[in-house]
Amino acid sequence: MKLAERVSQAWYTGHPALGLLRPLEVLYRWVVRRRRAAFLRGQPPAFKAPLPVIVVGNLTVGGTGKTPLILWLIEHCRARGLRVGVVSRGYGARPPCLPWRVKAGQAPGEAGDEPLMIVERSGVALMIDPDRPRAIRALLEQEPLDLILSDDGLQHYRLARDLELVLIDAARGLGNRRCLPAGPLREPVERLKSVDACLFNGAAGDRAEGFAFNLQPRALVNLASGARYPLDHLPPGQRVHAVAGIGNPQRFFATLEALHWRPIPHPFADHAAYRAEDLQFTPALPLLMTEKDAVKCRGFAASDWWYLAVDAQPSEAFVAWFDAQLERLLSR
């Protein structure tokens, strides 16, 4: 097990060695609280976009289902006649210049795996730039929009926001509830009191502290041909090699087990850059991966490589709440 995986496991299961990191955690908390306080004072002033900005982010390090929820938000807003744009840091992307407009067919290393997946699935106007205000300005120069979704950016305090949605893994929660590097939190847990809504990925139902949403498997998609098949294309009990380079690979493996397949897990680092030789496993079995991984593997995919297409499914209470927020924001 790699060091990063051991540290992440310790955050959620506990380890006495984490106590040695408490002094660094104290310093980290001081820095993030100071940045938050400066934002609230307006010093320096944050960029205020001329249209509503909704930030979808995490309090914890690691995956929480943010990309599927972004895709749901895009389609939900479009169904109400809204023109939606997305800005993203573009983690791991190496574009020719910044800001950079992501378009379908670009190289994953150029566009970033998550931005490319979002664009190829939805066709949304998406701009990447670690400087999100600059990304918004560039996007508005190219597109007439009604609403901006910021993919992550909860801690990007140079950008003013009208709504903050925070995603939490319902199974793992907030771990030991400590900040980096002693725990998985990017900001102290009390930050949740100031966000507009929390969504718990995998929760059985809404909670007093937030809404439920789930990732619903929809289909198997063949990487080599792009053909889409029903989930029963692979029979129950089928052994498969399972590849996941996401923030929480175990959630993907558990999903395959819930679909009654028998996955042989192959976890990779989040945003891993794959080579064909990395995915040559024995025995010879079908290979299943996430859609995020698939955008980086199509160029060398074998005929029995698949990705599992999933859709976010928020609770009815969240849908009603979010529609009320849209009406409020757009009536200004």
Protein backbone atom coordinates (compact mmCIF):
# COMPACT_ATOMS: atom_id res chain seq x y z
CA MET A 1 0.00 0.00 0.00
CA LYS A 2 1.35 3.43 -0.97
CA LEU A 3 2.03 6.10 1.66
CA ALA A 4 -0.86 8.30 0.48
CA GLU A 5 -3.25 5.34 0.77
CA ARG A 6 -1.98 4.55 4.27
CA VAL A 7 -2.45 8.13 5.40
CA SER A 8 -5.96 8.27 3.95
CA GLN A 9 -6.85 4.99 5.65
CA ALA A 10 -5.53 6.36 8.95
CA TRP A 11 -7.73 9.46 8.63
CA TYR A 12 -10.83 7.29 8.53
CA THR A 13 -9.87 4.34 10.73
CA GLY A 14 -7.50 6.00 13.19
CA HIS A 15 -3.78 5.66 13.90
CA PRO A 16 -1.74 6.93 16.88
CA ALA A 17 0.96 8.32 14.59
CA LEU A 18 -1.45 11.02 13.41
CA GLY A 19 -0.92 12.72 16.76
CA LEU A 20 2.56 13.68 15.57
CA LEU A 21 0.95 15.85 12.89
CA ARG A 22 -1.13 17.95 15.29
CA PRO A 23 1.31 20.91 15.32
CA LEU A 24 1.11 21.10 11.52
CA GLU A 25 -2.68 20.85 11.74
CA VAL A 26 -2.76 23.82 14.14
CA LEU A 27 -0.76 25.88 11.64
CA TYR A 28 -2.99 24.77 8.75
CA ARG A 29 -6.16 25.69 10.67
CA TRP A 30 -4.73 29.13 11.43
CA VAL A 31 -3.97 29.76 7.74
CA VAL A 32 -7.39 28.66 6.44
CA ARG A 33 -9.29 30.55 9.13
CA ARG A 34 -7.31 33.68 8.33
CA ARG A 35 -8.13 33.32 4.61
CA ARG A 36 -11.81 32.78 5.39
CA ALA A 37 -11.92 35.82 7.69
CA ALA A 38 -10.28 37.99 5.01
CA PHE A 39 -12.90 36.85 2.49
CA LEU A 40 -15.74 37.73 4.88
CA ARG A 41 -14.20 41.19 5.47
CA GLY A 42 -13.85 41.73 1.73
CA GLN A 43 -10.10 42.24 1.96
CA PRO A 44 -9.09 41.96 -0.79
CA PRO A 45 -12.47 42.15 -2.57
CA ALA A 46 -13.53 38.88 -4.18
CA PHE A 47 -14.53 38.85 -7.84
CA LYS A 48 -18.30 39.16 -8.18
CA ALA A 49 -19.60 37.73 -11.45
CA PRO A 50 -22.49 39.50 -13.22
CA LEU A 51 -24.59 36.32 -12.99
CA PRO A 52 -25.23 33.75 -10.24
CA VAL A 53 -22.34 31.46 -9.29
CA ILE A 54 -22.95 28.10 -7.63
CA VAL A 55 -19.96 26.37 -6.07
CA VAL A 56 -20.03 22.58 -5.79
CA GLY A 57 -17.24 21.45 -3.52
CA ASN A 58 -15.82 19.22 -0.83
CA LEU A 59 -14.78 19.77 2.73
CA THR A 60 -12.74 16.57 2.64
CA VAL A 61 -9.88 15.38 0.47
CA GLY A 62 -10.98 12.61 -1.88
CA GLY A 63 -13.93 11.74 -4.05
CA THR A 64 -17.51 12.40 -3.04
CA GLY A 65 -19.38 12.13 -6.35
CA LYS A 66 -18.93 15.75 -7.34
CA THR A 67 -18.64 15.22 -11.10
CA PRO A 68 -21.90 13.23 -11.46
CA LEU A 69 -23.71 15.88 -9.43
CA ILE A 70 -22.29 18.64 -11.65
CA LEU A 71 -23.68 16.76 -14.65
CA TRP A 72 -27.08 16.46 -12.97
CA LEU A 73 -27.11 20.19 -12.19
CA ILE A 74 -26.26 21.03 -15.80
CA GLU A 75 -29.15 18.99 -17.18
CA HIS A 76 -31.58 20.11 -14.49
CA CYS A 77 -30.87 23.78 -15.17
CA ARG A 78 -31.06 23.30 -18.92
CA ALA A 79 -34.47 21.65 -18.54
CA ARG A 80 -35.60 24.96 -17.05
CA GLY A 81 -34.34 26.89 -20.05
CA LEU A 82 -31.11 28.14 -18.44
CA ARG A 83 -27.83 28.56 -20.28
CA VAL A 84 -25.19 27.01 -18.04
CA GLY A 85 -21.41 27.37 -18.02
CA VAL A 86 -18.82 25.57 -15.89
CA VAL A 87 -15.44 26.70 -14.58
CA SER A 88 -12.89 24.32 -13.14
CA ARG A 89 -9.35 24.39 -11.88
CA GLY A 90 -8.55 21.57 -14.28
CA TYR A 91 -6.49 19.50 -11.86
CA GLY A 92 -3.66 17.74 -13.68
CA ALA A 93 -4.42 19.46 -17.00
CA ARG A 94 -1.56 20.86 -19.11
CA PRO A 95 -3.28 23.13 -21.67
CA PRO A 96 -1.32 25.26 -24.17
CA CYS A 97 -2.50 28.40 -22.38
CA LEU A 98 -4.79 29.61 -19.61
CA PRO A 99 -7.68 30.09 -19.50
CA TRP A 100 -8.46 27.11 -21.73
CA ARG A 101 -11.82 26.15 -23.27
CA VAL A 102 -12.30 22.38 -23.00
CA LYS A 103 -13.92 20.73 -26.00
CA ALA A 104 -14.80 17.14 -26.85
CA GLY A 105 -11.99 15.18 -28.42
CA GLN A 106 -9.14 17.02 -26.72
CA ALA A 107 -6.35 15.02 -25.12
CA PRO A 108 -7.06 14.16 -21.46
CA GLY A 109 -3.61 15.41 -20.48
CA GLU A 110 -4.41 18.75 -22.08
CA ALA A 111 -7.95 19.21 -20.74
CA GLY A 112 -7.96 17.21 -17.50
CA ASP A 113 -9.94 14.03 -17.00
CA GLU A 114 -12.94 15.43 -15.10
CA PRO A 115 -13.46 18.54 -17.29
CA LEU A 116 -13.18 16.42 -20.43
CA MET A 117 -15.69 13.91 -19.07
CA ILE A 118 -18.15 16.69 -18.24
CA VAL A 119 -17.86 18.24 -21.70
CA GLU A 120 -18.08 14.96 -23.60
CA ARG A 121 -21.14 13.88 -21.61
CA SER A 122 -23.02 17.21 -21.67
CA GLY A 123 -21.48 19.50 -24.32
CA VAL A 124 -21.46 22.30 -21.73
CA ALA A 125 -19.31 25.42 -22.15
CA LEU A 126 -16.40 24.77 -19.77
CA MET A 127 -13.28 26.81 -19.05
CA ILE A 128 -10.34 25.63 -16.97
CA ASP A 129 -8.03 27.93 -15.04
CA PRO A 130 -6.75 27.83 -11.45
CA ASP A 131 -7.75 31.52 -11.46
CA ARG A 132 -11.51 30.99 -11.54
CA PRO A 133 -12.44 34.69 -11.89
CA ARG A 134 -10.30 34.79 -15.03
CA ALA A 135 -12.01 31.61 -16.25
CA ILE A 136 -15.45 33.20 -15.78
CA ARG A 137 -14.46 36.38 -17.64
CA ALA A 138 -13.11 34.32 -20.55
CA LEU A 139 -16.24 32.15 -20.65
CA LEU A 140 -18.55 35.17 -20.69
CA GLU A 141 -16.59 36.66 -23.58
CA GLN A 142 -17.48 33.56 -25.63
CA GLU A 143 -20.94 32.52 -24.43
CA PRO A 144 -24.21 34.19 -23.34
CA LEU A 145 -24.96 32.47 -20.01
CA ASP A 146 -27.50 32.62 -17.20
CA LEU A 147 -25.63 30.66 -14.55
CA ILE A 148 -22.10 29.51 -13.65
CA LEU A 149 -21.27 26.26 -11.87
CA SER A 150 -17.86 26.17 -10.22
CA ASP A 151 -16.53 22.63 -10.17
CA ASP A 152 -14.90 22.57 -6.74
CA GLY A 153 -13.60 25.94 -5.53
CA LEU A 154 -15.18 25.94 -2.08
CA GLN A 155 -11.88 27.22 -0.69
CA HIS A 156 -11.14 29.52 -3.67
CA TYR A 157 -11.97 32.75 -1.85
CA ARG A 158 -11.00 35.04 -4.72
CA LEU A 159 -14.38 34.12 -6.19
CA ALA A 160 -17.63 35.39 -4.67
CA ARG A 161 -20.44 32.87 -4.75
CA ASP A 162 -24.21 32.91 -4.44
CA LEU A 163 -24.73 29.31 -3.37
CA GLU A 164 -22.43 26.71 -1.81
CA LEU A 165 -23.17 22.99 -2.10
CA VAL A 166 -20.91 20.63 -0.17
CA LEU A 167 -20.74 16.90 -0.89
CA ILE A 168 -19.95 14.33 1.79
CA ASP A 169 -19.45 10.58 1.45
CA ALA A 170 -22.21 9.13 3.63
CA ALA A 171 -20.22 5.99 4.45
CA ARG A 172 -16.89 7.62 5.32
CA GLY A 173 -18.27 10.88 6.70
CA LEU A 174 -15.64 13.37 7.84
CA GLY A 175 -13.18 10.78 9.09
CA ASN A 176 -11.46 11.83 12.31
CA ARG A 177 -12.83 15.38 11.76
CA ARG A 178 -9.34 16.87 11.81
CA CYS A 179 -7.75 19.16 9.24
CA LEU A 180 -4.81 18.39 7.00
CA PRO A 181 -2.37 16.78 7.47
CA ALA A 182 -3.73 15.10 10.62
CA GLY A 183 -7.11 14.44 8.98
CA PRO A 184 -8.97 14.72 5.67
CA LEU A 185 -10.58 18.15 6.19
CA ARG A 186 -9.64 21.11 4.00
CA GLU A 187 -11.34 23.45 6.47
CA PRO A 188 -12.53 23.02 10.07
CA VAL A 189 -15.80 21.15 10.47
CA GLU A 190 -17.62 24.30 11.65
CA ARG A 191 -17.34 25.57 8.05
CA LEU A 192 -20.38 23.39 7.28
CA LYS A 193 -22.53 25.80 9.30
CA SER A 194 -22.00 28.51 6.69
CA VAL A 195 -22.70 26.53 3.50
CA ASP A 196 -26.14 26.53 1.90
CA ALA A 197 -26.60 22.76 1.66
CA CYS A 198 -24.83 19.47 2.32
CA LEU A 199 -25.48 16.43 0.14
CA PHE A 200 -24.61 12.95 1.41
CA ASN A 201 -23.56 10.54 -1.32
CA GLY A 202 -24.96 7.08 -0.62
CA ALA A 203 -27.34 8.09 2.18
CA ALA A 204 -30.53 6.06 2.45
CA GLY A 205 -32.59 9.22 2.98
CA ASP A 206 -32.43 12.89 3.85
CA ARG A 207 -30.91 13.84 7.19
CA ALA A 208 -31.35 16.75 9.54
CA GLU A 209 -27.94 18.01 8.44
CA GLY A 210 -28.48 17.63 4.70
CA PHE A 211 -29.94 15.95 1.63
CA ALA A 212 -29.37 12.48 0.23
CA PHE A 213 -28.18 11.65 -3.25
CA ASN A 214 -27.06 8.42 -4.85
CA LEU A 215 -25.12 7.35 -7.91
CA GLN A 216 -27.37 5.16 -10.02
CA PRO A 217 -25.66 2.76 -12.48
CA ARG A 218 -27.30 3.06 -15.89
CA ALA A 219 -25.35 1.13 -18.51
CA LEU A 220 -22.14 -0.54 -19.61
CA VAL A 221 -20.29 1.35 -22.33
CA ASN A 222 -17.64 -0.34 -24.45
CA LEU A 223 -14.48 1.76 -24.62
CA ALA A 224 -13.37 0.50 -28.03
CA SER A 225 -16.68 0.89 -29.88
CA GLY A 226 -18.61 3.38 -27.73
CA ALA A 227 -21.62 1.02 -27.85
CA ARG A 228 -23.96 1.16 -24.88
CA TYR A 229 -25.35 -2.02 -23.33
CA PRO A 230 -27.75 -2.80 -20.45
CA LEU A 231 -26.25 -3.79 -17.13
CA ASP A 232 -27.28 -7.42 -17.60
CA HIS A 233 -24.90 -7.67 -20.56
CA LEU A 234 -22.48 -9.14 -18.02
CA PRO A 235 -24.19 -11.93 -16.08
CA PRO A 236 -24.39 -12.10 -12.27
CA GLY A 237 -21.28 -13.72 -10.83
CA GLN A 238 -19.07 -12.54 -13.69
CA ARG A 239 -15.47 -12.05 -12.57
CA VAL A 240 -14.01 -8.75 -13.81
CA HIS A 241 -10.89 -6.69 -13.36
CA ALA A 242 -12.02 -3.42 -11.76
CA VAL A 243 -9.95 -0.26 -12.26
CA ALA A 244 -10.59 2.98 -10.37
CA GLY A 245 -8.38 6.06 -10.27
CA ILE A 246 -10.78 8.19 -8.21
CA GLY A 247 -10.76 9.72 -4.75
CA ASN A 248 -12.46 6.70 -3.15
CA PRO A 249 -11.88 3.59 -5.30
CA GLN A 250 -13.58 1.31 -2.77
CA ARG A 251 -16.93 2.94 -3.51
CA PHE A 252 -16.64 1.85 -7.16
CA PHE A 253 -15.67 -1.70 -6.22
CA ALA A 254 -18.61 -1.89 -3.80
CA THR A 255 -20.95 -0.72 -6.58
CA LEU A 256 -19.79 -3.57 -8.82
CA GLU A 257 -20.37 -6.05 -6.01
CA ALA A 258 -23.87 -4.63 -5.48
CA LEU A 259 -24.52 -5.34 -9.17
CA HIS A 260 -23.63 -8.99 -8.40
CA TRP A 261 -20.34 -9.08 -10.28
CA ARG A 262 -17.11 -10.35 -8.72
CA PRO A 263 -14.54 -7.57 -9.09
CA ILE A 264 -10.80 -8.05 -8.73
CA PRO A 265 -9.90 -4.56 -7.48
CA HIS A 266 -7.08 -2.53 -8.99
CA PRO A 267 -7.05 0.88 -7.24
CA PHE A 268 -4.97 3.68 -8.76
CA ALA A 269 -4.20 7.18 -7.56
CA ASP A 270 -6.82 9.85 -8.21
CA HIS A 271 -6.36 11.36 -11.71
CA ALA A 272 -3.90 8.58 -12.62
CA ALA A 273 -2.38 8.76 -16.09
CA TYR A 274 -2.67 5.27 -17.57
CA ARG A 275 -0.54 3.36 -20.04
CA ALA A 276 -1.72 0.25 -21.84
CA GLU A 277 0.80 -1.87 -19.93
CA ASP A 278 -0.63 -0.66 -16.60
CA LEU A 279 -3.89 -2.46 -17.36
CA GLN A 280 -2.62 -5.83 -18.54
CA PHE A 281 -3.94 -8.19 -15.87
CA THR A 282 -4.17 -11.95 -15.52
CA PRO A 283 -6.28 -13.97 -15.83
CA ALA A 284 -7.89 -12.62 -18.99
CA LEU A 285 -11.27 -11.17 -17.92
CA PRO A 286 -13.47 -8.23 -18.90
CA LEU A 287 -12.12 -4.96 -17.49
CA LEU A 288 -14.47 -2.43 -15.89
CA MET A 289 -13.56 1.14 -14.96
CA THR A 290 -15.15 4.47 -14.11
CA GLU A 291 -16.15 6.94 -16.80
CA LYS A 292 -13.51 9.34 -15.50
CA ASP A 293 -10.84 6.69 -16.12
CA ALA A 294 -12.29 5.79 -19.50
CA VAL A 295 -11.60 9.19 -21.08
CA LYS A 296 -7.88 8.46 -20.60
CA CYS A 297 -7.94 4.88 -21.91
CA ARG A 298 -9.99 4.93 -25.11
CA GLY A 299 -6.96 5.30 -27.34
CA PHE A 300 -5.56 1.89 -26.38
CA ALA A 301 -8.68 0.06 -25.16
CA ALA A 302 -9.20 -3.64 -25.83
CA SER A 303 -12.52 -4.99 -27.07
CA ASP A 304 -13.59 -6.23 -23.62
CA TRP A 305 -12.94 -2.99 -21.71
CA TRP A 306 -16.00 -1.22 -20.32
CA TYR A 307 -16.96 1.70 -18.17
CA LEU A 308 -19.93 1.91 -15.87
CA ALA A 309 -22.13 4.90 -16.73
CA VAL A 310 -23.73 6.36 -13.60
CA ASP A 311 -26.10 9.26 -12.97
CA ALA A 312 -26.55 11.29 -9.80
CA GLN A 313 -30.01 10.95 -8.29
CA PRO A 314 -30.67 13.58 -5.60
CA SER A 315 -33.62 13.36 -3.24
CA GLU A 316 -36.95 14.99 -4.12
CA ALA A 317 -36.46 17.36 -1.19
CA PHE A 318 -33.18 18.60 -2.66
CA VAL A 319 -34.74 19.10 -6.10
CA ALA A 320 -37.52 21.23 -4.58
CA TRP A 321 -35.04 23.19 -2.46
CA PHE A 322 -32.70 23.77 -5.40
CA ASP A 323 -35.53 24.96 -7.65
CA ALA A 324 -36.48 27.50 -4.98
CA GLN A 325 -32.86 28.70 -4.87
CA LEU A 326 -32.77 29.09 -8.65
CA GLU A 327 -35.93 31.15 -8.57
CA ARG A 328 -34.46 33.35 -5.85
CA LEU A 329 -31.13 33.85 -7.60
CA LEU A 330 -32.55 34.50 -11.07
CA SER A 331 -35.25 36.90 -9.93
CA ARG A 332 -32.71 39.49 -8.83
